[in-house]
Amino acid sequence: MTRPDPPARRGRLARTAVLGSLTAAAPLAIDTYLPALPAIAVELEASASLVALSLTACVVGLAVGQLVAGPLSDVLGRRRPIIVGAAGFVLLSAACAAAPDVGTLVALRLGQGLFGAVGIVVARAVVRDLYDGPAAARAFAALMLVSGVAPIVAPVLGGQLLRLTSWRGVFVVLAALGAVVLVGVLLAVPETLPPDRRTAAGWRTTRHAFGVLLADTRVLACVAAAGLGFAAMFAYISGSTFVLQGLYGLSPQGFSAVFAVNSVGIVSAVQLSGRLVGAEKVRPHRAVLVGLTIASLGSATVLVGALGLGLPGVVAGLFVTVCGVGTALPAATTLSLADHPEHAGSASALLGTAQFIVGGVSAPLVGIGGGRTAVPMGVVMTVAALLALVTFGVLWRRGPADGARDGGQLGSDP
């Protein structure tokens, strides 16, 4: 294969960076302002539960928005929905910075989630429009190089911002980042779904698309793997501040160091998985199985650490878990979108919605211990990872045995 000329390569790198940034909108919107929740409650004279409702509203918006935007992009094309979503995210983020009361903030956060969801779901569909098979795996790995680290570094970023500004400033920064991404979309992301490949508008078409996807056990296997794997990650993200600092006494610097090491781990695992699958050295479904097995072992180590090994066991288990999830996700994403290109937006919506719904359910379960033990976090992570492994294995085996169902045909290099 001849090497692409430098301008073409630079254009692909720019497009990948923009698409990855779009998929990072959700973790940035959710996690960056977490350290500011107490300050919001004080300034807006609201209870902690009402302020926490703003987080729930954003997660709901991210889940529902993907279900709407994914099928819509199959009808309208990819570029217009991405532009509208990015612009709406900027406006709603700026509006959150000016919220006069908690009720308004909750409503605005819902809208912020709805618009932020558009970029997440459509970015994956754009990759599927452009690449097949191993090439798609490499492209998704490149996408996750940008987006995969966001859920881990966002709380640290928010904490540092609060040293310089108020919680309102955090939303101003989110609006500014969104504006940069919007400019990137306008400059670097072309339309990838021509009119002759689009589906007809209407509820019946959307219902048919989801019916086709839900009847495919291998699509369900990938959705379950991604959703439950993300739940293990979400349990870590939502519980780590309490566990590492409150329970085990790590300093903010030590906490940031653990997050940084885990960031390196997940990004490295994502890239290694994408390259191995992309080079056809590992079949995509085997990469998912290996990744989920690693995540299960890591989560079990977290639980053992919580029961007796202490901080070393917890920290080691967290690192192994994120590496396992990072190994599984690129392959699961590739497989979920591989066999129904005409419904790529809808398939992407199922994948993303499952991640946020299942992940959102896992977060409150971590707090069952009431601040006295890390066992709930370990249990939630272990159960989620094991369920992901078992569910994927069972559903995948029920699918067709032909080789074409293991990642599609070879495509061009990303």
Protein backbone atom coordinates (compact mmCIF):
# COMPACT_ATOMS: atom_id res chain seq x y z
CA MET A 1 0.00 0.00 0.00
CA THR A 2 1.41 3.40 -0.94
CA ARG A 3 1.81 5.95 1.80
CA PRO A 4 -0.67 8.79 1.62
CA ASP A 5 0.74 12.19 0.81
CA PRO A 6 1.43 14.48 3.80
CA PRO A 7 -1.54 16.83 3.25
CA ALA A 8 -3.96 13.87 3.13
CA ARG A 9 -2.42 12.35 6.27
CA ARG A 10 -2.61 15.69 8.08
CA GLY A 11 -6.25 16.01 7.06
CA ARG A 12 -7.08 12.59 8.51
CA LEU A 13 -5.23 13.36 11.72
CA ALA A 14 -7.14 16.64 12.07
CA ARG A 15 -10.45 14.90 11.44
CA THR A 16 -9.65 12.19 13.98
CA ALA A 17 -8.68 14.79 16.58
CA VAL A 18 -11.95 16.65 16.07
CA LEU A 19 -14.08 13.50 16.16
CA GLY A 20 -12.28 12.32 19.29
CA SER A 21 -12.90 15.69 20.92
CA LEU A 22 -16.60 15.39 20.11
CA THR A 23 -16.77 12.03 21.89
CA ALA A 24 -14.97 13.57 24.88
CA ALA A 25 -17.77 16.12 25.40
CA ALA A 26 -19.73 13.83 27.69
CA PRO A 27 -17.04 13.00 30.26
CA LEU A 28 -15.92 16.61 30.28
CA ALA A 29 -19.49 17.82 30.86
CA ILE A 30 -20.09 15.22 33.59
CA ASP A 31 -16.82 15.05 35.47
CA THR A 32 -15.18 18.44 35.16
CA TYR A 33 -17.62 20.15 37.49
CA LEU A 34 -17.83 17.33 40.08
CA PRO A 35 -15.37 19.04 42.46
CA ALA A 36 -17.58 22.16 42.32
CA LEU A 37 -20.80 20.53 43.59
CA PRO A 38 -20.40 21.75 47.20
CA ALA A 39 -19.70 25.30 46.03
CA ILE A 40 -22.75 25.25 43.74
CA ALA A 41 -24.97 24.15 46.63
CA VAL A 42 -23.72 27.03 48.79
CA GLU A 43 -24.01 29.76 46.16
CA LEU A 44 -27.40 28.69 44.83
CA GLU A 45 -28.70 27.93 48.36
CA ALA A 46 -29.79 24.44 47.32
CA SER A 47 -29.60 21.03 48.92
CA ALA A 48 -26.92 18.56 47.87
CA SER A 49 -29.56 16.27 46.36
CA LEU A 50 -30.94 19.04 44.16
CA VAL A 51 -27.48 19.99 42.97
CA ALA A 52 -26.73 16.31 42.26
CA LEU A 53 -29.88 16.29 40.12
CA SER A 54 -28.00 18.51 37.67
CA LEU A 55 -25.58 15.63 37.15
CA THR A 56 -28.45 13.19 36.62
CA ALA A 57 -30.06 15.56 34.13
CA CYS A 58 -26.88 15.72 32.06
CA VAL A 59 -26.56 11.92 32.01
CA VAL A 60 -30.22 11.57 30.96
CA GLY A 61 -29.65 14.10 28.19
CA LEU A 62 -26.59 12.24 26.96
CA ALA A 63 -28.50 8.94 26.86
CA VAL A 64 -31.71 10.24 25.25
CA GLY A 65 -29.88 12.54 22.88
CA GLN A 66 -27.98 9.65 21.33
CA LEU A 67 -31.18 7.70 20.70
CA VAL A 68 -32.53 10.70 18.78
CA ALA A 69 -29.38 11.92 17.02
CA GLY A 70 -28.14 8.54 15.82
CA PRO A 71 -31.15 7.60 13.66
CA LEU A 72 -31.54 11.25 12.62
CA SER A 73 -28.01 11.24 11.20
CA ASP A 74 -28.91 8.19 9.09
CA VAL A 75 -31.63 10.35 7.52
CA LEU A 76 -30.04 13.83 7.32
CA GLY A 77 -26.39 12.91 6.94
CA ARG A 78 -23.62 13.44 9.46
CA ARG A 79 -22.36 16.99 9.05
CA ARG A 80 -25.47 19.04 9.83
CA PRO A 81 -26.33 17.20 13.07
CA ILE A 82 -22.71 17.48 14.29
CA ILE A 83 -22.65 21.23 13.64
CA VAL A 84 -25.98 21.77 15.40
CA GLY A 85 -24.90 19.59 18.33
CA ALA A 86 -21.55 21.33 18.78
CA ALA A 87 -23.13 24.80 18.56
CA GLY A 88 -25.85 23.85 21.03
CA PHE A 89 -23.27 22.47 23.47
CA VAL A 90 -21.40 25.79 23.37
CA LEU A 91 -24.54 27.84 23.99
CA LEU A 92 -25.88 25.62 26.78
CA SER A 93 -22.49 25.47 28.53
CA ALA A 94 -22.30 29.27 28.51
CA ALA A 95 -25.88 29.46 29.80
CA CYS A 96 -25.01 27.11 32.68
CA ALA A 97 -22.35 29.58 33.78
CA ALA A 98 -25.07 32.20 34.22
CA ALA A 99 -27.72 29.99 35.89
CA PRO A 100 -29.48 32.02 38.61
CA ASP A 101 -30.90 29.07 40.55
CA VAL A 102 -30.64 25.31 40.81
CA GLY A 103 -33.83 24.62 38.83
CA THR A 104 -32.51 26.57 35.87
CA LEU A 105 -29.16 24.81 36.16
CA VAL A 106 -30.83 21.39 36.07
CA ALA A 107 -32.81 22.32 32.94
CA LEU A 108 -29.75 23.73 31.22
CA ARG A 109 -27.69 20.67 32.10
CA LEU A 110 -30.34 18.49 30.48
CA GLY A 111 -30.02 20.55 27.30
CA GLN A 112 -26.24 20.46 27.51
CA GLY A 113 -26.38 16.66 27.63
CA LEU A 114 -28.82 16.47 24.71
CA PHE A 115 -26.61 18.56 22.44
CA GLY A 116 -23.40 16.95 23.65
CA ALA A 117 -24.82 13.53 22.78
CA VAL A 118 -24.99 14.43 19.09
CA GLY A 119 -21.25 14.62 18.62
CA ILE A 120 -20.65 11.39 20.52
CA VAL A 121 -23.02 9.24 18.50
CA VAL A 122 -22.42 10.78 15.08
CA ALA A 123 -18.62 10.74 15.41
CA ARG A 124 -18.68 6.94 15.63
CA ALA A 125 -21.01 6.77 12.62
CA VAL A 126 -18.60 8.95 10.62
CA VAL A 127 -15.79 6.47 11.30
CA ARG A 128 -18.04 3.61 10.17
CA ASP A 129 -18.90 5.51 6.98
CA LEU A 130 -15.22 5.81 6.12
CA TYR A 131 -13.68 2.49 7.20
CA ASP A 132 -14.42 -1.24 7.37
CA GLY A 133 -12.99 -4.17 9.30
CA PRO A 134 -9.43 -3.86 10.62
CA ALA A 135 -9.13 -0.34 9.25
CA ALA A 136 -12.16 0.62 11.32
CA ALA A 137 -10.54 -0.88 14.42
CA ARG A 138 -7.48 1.28 13.86
CA ALA A 139 -9.67 4.32 13.33
CA PHE A 140 -11.67 3.72 16.52
CA ALA A 141 -8.45 3.24 18.46
CA ALA A 142 -7.20 6.58 17.14
CA LEU A 143 -10.52 8.16 18.10
CA MET A 144 -10.27 6.80 21.63
CA LEU A 145 -6.73 8.09 21.95
CA VAL A 146 -8.36 11.51 22.21
CA SER A 147 -11.53 10.58 24.07
CA GLY A 148 -10.48 7.66 26.27
CA VAL A 149 -8.45 9.69 28.71
CA ALA A 150 -11.16 12.34 29.23
CA PRO A 151 -13.23 10.52 31.92
CA ILE A 152 -10.12 10.08 34.03
CA VAL A 153 -8.51 13.50 33.72
CA ALA A 154 -11.71 15.58 33.79
CA PRO A 155 -12.14 15.60 37.61
CA VAL A 156 -8.49 16.59 38.02
CA LEU A 157 -8.95 19.35 35.44
CA GLY A 158 -12.03 20.58 37.29
CA GLY A 159 -10.18 20.64 40.59
CA GLN A 160 -7.36 22.69 39.11
CA LEU A 161 -9.80 25.12 37.48
CA LEU A 162 -11.47 25.71 40.83
CA ARG A 163 -8.15 26.94 42.17
CA LEU A 164 -8.31 29.72 39.57
CA THR A 165 -12.00 30.41 39.16
CA SER A 166 -15.48 29.63 40.51
CA TRP A 167 -17.80 26.85 39.36
CA ARG A 168 -19.22 29.28 36.82
CA GLY A 169 -15.77 29.57 35.31
CA VAL A 170 -15.70 25.81 34.80
CA PHE A 171 -18.71 26.10 32.48
CA VAL A 172 -17.12 29.05 30.68
CA VAL A 173 -14.10 26.85 29.99
CA LEU A 174 -16.40 24.07 28.72
CA ALA A 175 -18.07 26.58 26.38
CA ALA A 176 -14.67 27.74 25.12
CA LEU A 177 -13.52 24.16 24.51
CA GLY A 178 -16.78 23.47 22.70
CA ALA A 179 -16.24 26.52 20.48
CA VAL A 180 -12.79 25.26 19.51
CA VAL A 181 -14.28 21.87 18.59
CA LEU A 182 -17.05 23.57 16.58
CA VAL A 183 -14.46 25.40 14.51
CA GLY A 184 -12.67 22.09 14.01
CA VAL A 185 -15.89 20.49 12.78
CA LEU A 186 -16.44 23.28 10.25
CA LEU A 187 -12.88 22.98 8.95
CA ALA A 188 -12.06 19.28 9.15
CA VAL A 189 -15.20 17.12 9.09
CA PRO A 190 -16.87 16.72 5.68
CA GLU A 191 -20.15 15.00 4.94
CA THR A 192 -19.50 11.24 4.91
CA LEU A 193 -22.99 9.91 4.17
CA PRO A 194 -24.09 10.84 0.64
CA PRO A 195 -27.81 11.24 -0.07
CA ASP A 196 -28.08 7.92 -1.93
CA ARG A 197 -26.98 6.02 1.22
CA ARG A 198 -29.37 7.76 3.61
CA THR A 199 -32.51 6.16 4.99
CA ALA A 200 -36.03 7.51 4.69
CA ALA A 201 -37.39 9.73 7.43
CA GLY A 202 -40.15 8.61 9.74
CA TRP A 203 -40.88 6.71 12.92
CA ARG A 204 -41.48 3.47 11.02
CA THR A 205 -37.96 3.62 9.54
CA THR A 206 -36.41 4.32 12.92
CA ARG A 207 -38.35 1.50 14.54
CA HIS A 208 -37.27 -0.86 11.76
CA ALA A 209 -33.60 0.12 12.23
CA PHE A 210 -33.65 -0.55 15.94
CA GLY A 211 -35.61 -3.76 15.35
CA VAL A 212 -32.92 -5.05 12.98
CA LEU A 213 -30.15 -4.19 15.44
CA LEU A 214 -31.88 -5.62 18.50
CA ALA A 215 -32.56 -8.87 16.62
CA ASP A 216 -28.83 -9.30 15.95
CA THR A 217 -27.34 -11.14 18.93
CA ARG A 218 -23.83 -10.07 18.02
CA VAL A 219 -24.78 -6.40 18.07
CA LEU A 220 -26.37 -7.03 21.48
CA ALA A 221 -23.18 -8.78 22.60
CA CYS A 222 -21.12 -5.70 21.76
CA VAL A 223 -23.62 -3.31 23.31
CA ALA A 224 -23.58 -5.36 26.53
CA ALA A 225 -19.78 -5.49 26.54
CA ALA A 226 -19.47 -1.74 26.05
CA GLY A 227 -22.24 -0.84 28.51
CA LEU A 228 -21.17 -3.12 31.35
CA GLY A 229 -17.47 -2.44 30.74
CA PHE A 230 -18.18 1.27 30.96
CA ALA A 231 -20.13 0.64 34.18
CA ALA A 232 -16.97 -0.77 35.76
CA MET A 233 -15.11 2.35 34.66
CA PHE A 234 -17.89 4.63 35.87
CA ALA A 235 -17.87 2.96 39.28
CA TYR A 236 -14.15 3.66 39.50
CA ILE A 237 -14.55 7.28 38.39
CA SER A 238 -17.45 8.02 40.73
CA GLY A 239 -15.96 6.26 43.76
CA SER A 240 -12.25 6.91 43.47
CA THR A 241 -12.20 10.33 45.12
CA PHE A 242 -13.76 8.93 48.30
CA VAL A 243 -11.81 5.68 48.27
CA LEU A 244 -8.35 6.99 47.51
CA GLN A 245 -8.48 10.26 49.42
CA GLY A 246 -11.19 9.88 52.04
CA LEU A 247 -10.60 6.27 53.01
CA TYR A 248 -6.92 5.64 52.27
CA GLY A 249 -5.68 9.17 52.90
CA LEU A 250 -3.98 9.95 49.60
CA SER A 251 -3.12 13.61 49.13
CA PRO A 252 -4.59 15.50 46.15
CA GLN A 253 -1.19 15.12 44.48
CA GLY A 254 -1.17 11.38 45.11
CA PHE A 255 -4.72 11.09 43.83
CA SER A 256 -3.75 12.97 40.65
CA ALA A 257 -0.73 10.69 40.22
CA VAL A 258 -2.93 7.56 40.32
CA PHE A 259 -5.27 9.12 37.76
CA ALA A 260 -2.33 10.02 35.53
CA VAL A 261 -0.90 6.48 35.61
CA ASN A 262 -4.32 5.03 34.83
CA SER A 263 -4.71 7.49 31.97
CA VAL A 264 -1.48 6.22 30.45
CA GLY A 265 -2.69 2.64 30.97
CA ILE A 266 -6.03 3.01 29.23
CA VAL A 267 -4.64 5.01 26.32
CA SER A 268 -1.84 2.47 25.81
CA ALA A 269 -4.30 -0.44 25.96
CA VAL A 270 -6.64 1.23 23.46
CA GLN A 271 -3.82 1.81 21.00
CA LEU A 272 -2.36 -1.68 21.38
CA SER A 273 -5.76 -3.29 20.89
CA GLY A 274 -6.53 -1.16 17.86
CA ARG A 275 -3.18 -1.88 16.26
CA LEU A 276 -3.35 -5.64 16.86
CA VAL A 277 -6.86 -5.89 15.45
CA GLY A 278 -6.01 -3.46 12.66
CA ALA A 279 -3.00 -5.56 11.65
CA GLU A 280 -5.24 -8.67 11.70
CA LYS A 281 -3.06 -10.30 14.34
CA VAL A 282 -6.04 -10.64 16.70
CA ARG A 283 -9.65 -11.17 15.69
CA PRO A 284 -11.90 -8.42 17.07
CA HIS A 285 -14.14 -10.68 19.18
CA ARG A 286 -11.07 -12.24 20.80
CA ALA A 287 -9.77 -8.79 21.70
CA VAL A 288 -13.09 -8.11 23.45
CA LEU A 289 -12.90 -11.40 25.37
CA VAL A 290 -9.28 -10.84 26.40
CA GLY A 291 -9.99 -7.26 27.46
CA LEU A 292 -13.02 -8.20 29.54
CA THR A 293 -11.12 -11.06 31.16
CA ILE A 294 -8.35 -8.64 32.17
CA ALA A 295 -10.93 -6.16 33.46
CA SER A 296 -12.60 -8.89 35.52
CA LEU A 297 -9.29 -9.89 37.10
CA GLY A 298 -8.46 -6.26 37.83
CA SER A 299 -11.87 -5.57 39.38
CA ALA A 300 -11.58 -8.70 41.53
CA THR A 301 -8.19 -7.40 42.71
CA VAL A 302 -9.84 -4.12 43.71
CA LEU A 303 -12.37 -6.09 45.74
CA VAL A 304 -9.65 -8.18 47.41
CA GLY A 305 -7.79 -4.99 48.18
CA ALA A 306 -10.88 -3.51 49.78
CA LEU A 307 -11.35 -6.65 51.87
CA GLY A 308 -7.77 -6.94 53.12
CA LEU A 309 -4.84 -6.06 50.85
CA GLY A 310 -5.45 -2.36 51.32
CA LEU A 311 -4.29 0.51 49.13
CA PRO A 312 -1.69 -1.41 47.03
CA GLY A 313 -4.28 -3.97 45.98
CA VAL A 314 -6.87 -1.32 45.14
CA VAL A 315 -4.47 0.82 43.10
CA ALA A 316 -3.06 -2.19 41.21
CA GLY A 317 -6.55 -3.51 40.51
CA LEU A 318 -7.74 -0.16 39.18
CA PHE A 319 -4.83 -0.02 36.74
CA VAL A 320 -5.46 -3.54 35.46
CA THR A 321 -9.20 -2.83 35.12
CA VAL A 322 -8.82 0.29 33.00
CA CYS A 323 -6.27 -1.50 30.79
CA GLY A 324 -8.77 -4.34 30.26
CA VAL A 325 -11.62 -2.00 29.39
CA GLY A 326 -9.31 -0.09 27.06
CA THR A 327 -8.47 -3.34 25.29
CA ALA A 328 -12.11 -4.35 24.81
CA LEU A 329 -13.80 -1.10 23.79
CA PRO A 330 -12.25 -0.41 20.35
CA ALA A 331 -12.99 -3.94 19.15
CA ALA A 332 -16.51 -3.93 20.61
CA THR A 333 -17.25 -0.61 18.92
CA THR A 334 -15.92 -1.87 15.60
CA LEU A 335 -17.99 -5.04 15.75
CA SER A 336 -21.20 -3.29 16.80
CA LEU A 337 -21.15 -1.06 13.70
CA ALA A 338 -19.62 -3.54 11.25
CA ASP A 339 -22.56 -5.42 9.77
CA HIS A 340 -25.27 -2.77 9.43
CA PRO A 341 -23.65 0.23 7.69
CA GLU A 342 -27.07 1.48 6.61
CA HIS A 343 -27.97 1.84 10.30
CA ALA A 344 -24.58 3.04 11.59
CA GLY A 345 -26.10 6.01 13.40
CA SER A 346 -28.71 3.88 15.12
CA ALA A 347 -26.12 1.26 16.10
CA SER A 348 -23.88 3.96 17.51
CA ALA A 349 -26.88 5.28 19.47
CA LEU A 350 -27.54 1.88 21.03
CA LEU A 351 -23.90 1.56 22.03
CA GLY A 352 -23.64 5.00 23.59
CA THR A 353 -27.01 4.92 25.33
CA ALA A 354 -26.18 1.59 26.95
CA GLN A 355 -22.92 3.01 28.26
CA PHE A 356 -24.56 5.98 29.92
CA ILE A 357 -27.62 4.20 31.27
CA VAL A 358 -25.72 1.26 32.76
CA GLY A 359 -22.87 3.49 33.86
CA GLY A 360 -25.30 5.91 35.49
CA VAL A 361 -26.93 3.09 37.44
CA SER A 362 -23.56 1.90 38.75
CA ALA A 363 -22.55 5.26 40.23
CA PRO A 364 -25.03 5.46 43.15
CA LEU A 365 -24.38 1.81 44.06
CA VAL A 366 -20.78 2.70 44.86
CA GLY A 367 -21.96 4.92 47.73
CA ILE A 368 -23.91 2.18 49.52
CA GLY A 369 -21.12 1.80 52.07
CA GLY A 370 -21.80 5.28 53.37
CA GLY A 371 -18.16 6.34 53.30
CA ARG A 372 -16.83 3.60 55.57
CA THR A 373 -15.53 0.99 53.11
CA ALA A 374 -14.30 0.51 49.54
CA VAL A 375 -16.07 -2.84 49.23
CA PRO A 376 -19.11 -1.48 47.31
CA MET A 377 -16.87 -0.02 44.62
CA GLY A 378 -15.02 -3.33 44.31
CA VAL A 379 -18.26 -5.31 44.18
CA VAL A 380 -19.85 -3.08 41.53
CA MET A 381 -16.72 -3.15 39.37
CA THR A 382 -16.34 -6.93 39.68
CA VAL A 383 -19.99 -7.69 38.96
CA ALA A 384 -20.08 -5.33 35.98
CA ALA A 385 -16.89 -6.72 34.44
CA LEU A 386 -17.90 -10.36 34.94
CA LEU A 387 -21.38 -9.72 33.55
CA ALA A 388 -19.81 -8.04 30.52
CA LEU A 389 -17.54 -11.04 29.95
CA VAL A 390 -20.24 -13.69 30.37
CA THR A 391 -22.93 -11.81 28.43
CA PHE A 392 -20.63 -11.08 25.51
CA GLY A 393 -19.41 -14.68 25.35
CA VAL A 394 -22.91 -16.16 25.43
CA LEU A 395 -24.48 -13.77 22.93
CA TRP A 396 -21.55 -13.88 20.54
CA ARG A 397 -21.68 -17.66 20.29
CA ARG A 398 -25.37 -17.46 19.39
CA GLY A 399 -24.59 -15.39 16.30
CA PRO A 400 -23.75 -16.66 12.81
CA ALA A 401 -20.49 -18.55 12.48
CA ASP A 402 -19.39 -17.07 9.15
CA GLY A 403 -16.14 -15.14 9.12
CA ALA A 404 -17.75 -12.08 7.61
CA ARG A 405 -19.43 -11.41 10.93
CA ASP A 406 -16.12 -10.82 12.71
CA GLY A 407 -15.39 -7.31 11.72
CA GLY A 408 -16.43 -6.81 8.13
CA GLN A 409 -14.15 -6.52 5.14
CA LEU A 410 -10.82 -4.80 4.90
CA GLY A 411 -10.99 -1.08 4.40
CA SER A 412 -8.53 1.71 3.80
CA ASP A 413 -6.06 2.91 6.37
CA PRO A 414 -7.31 5.57 8.78
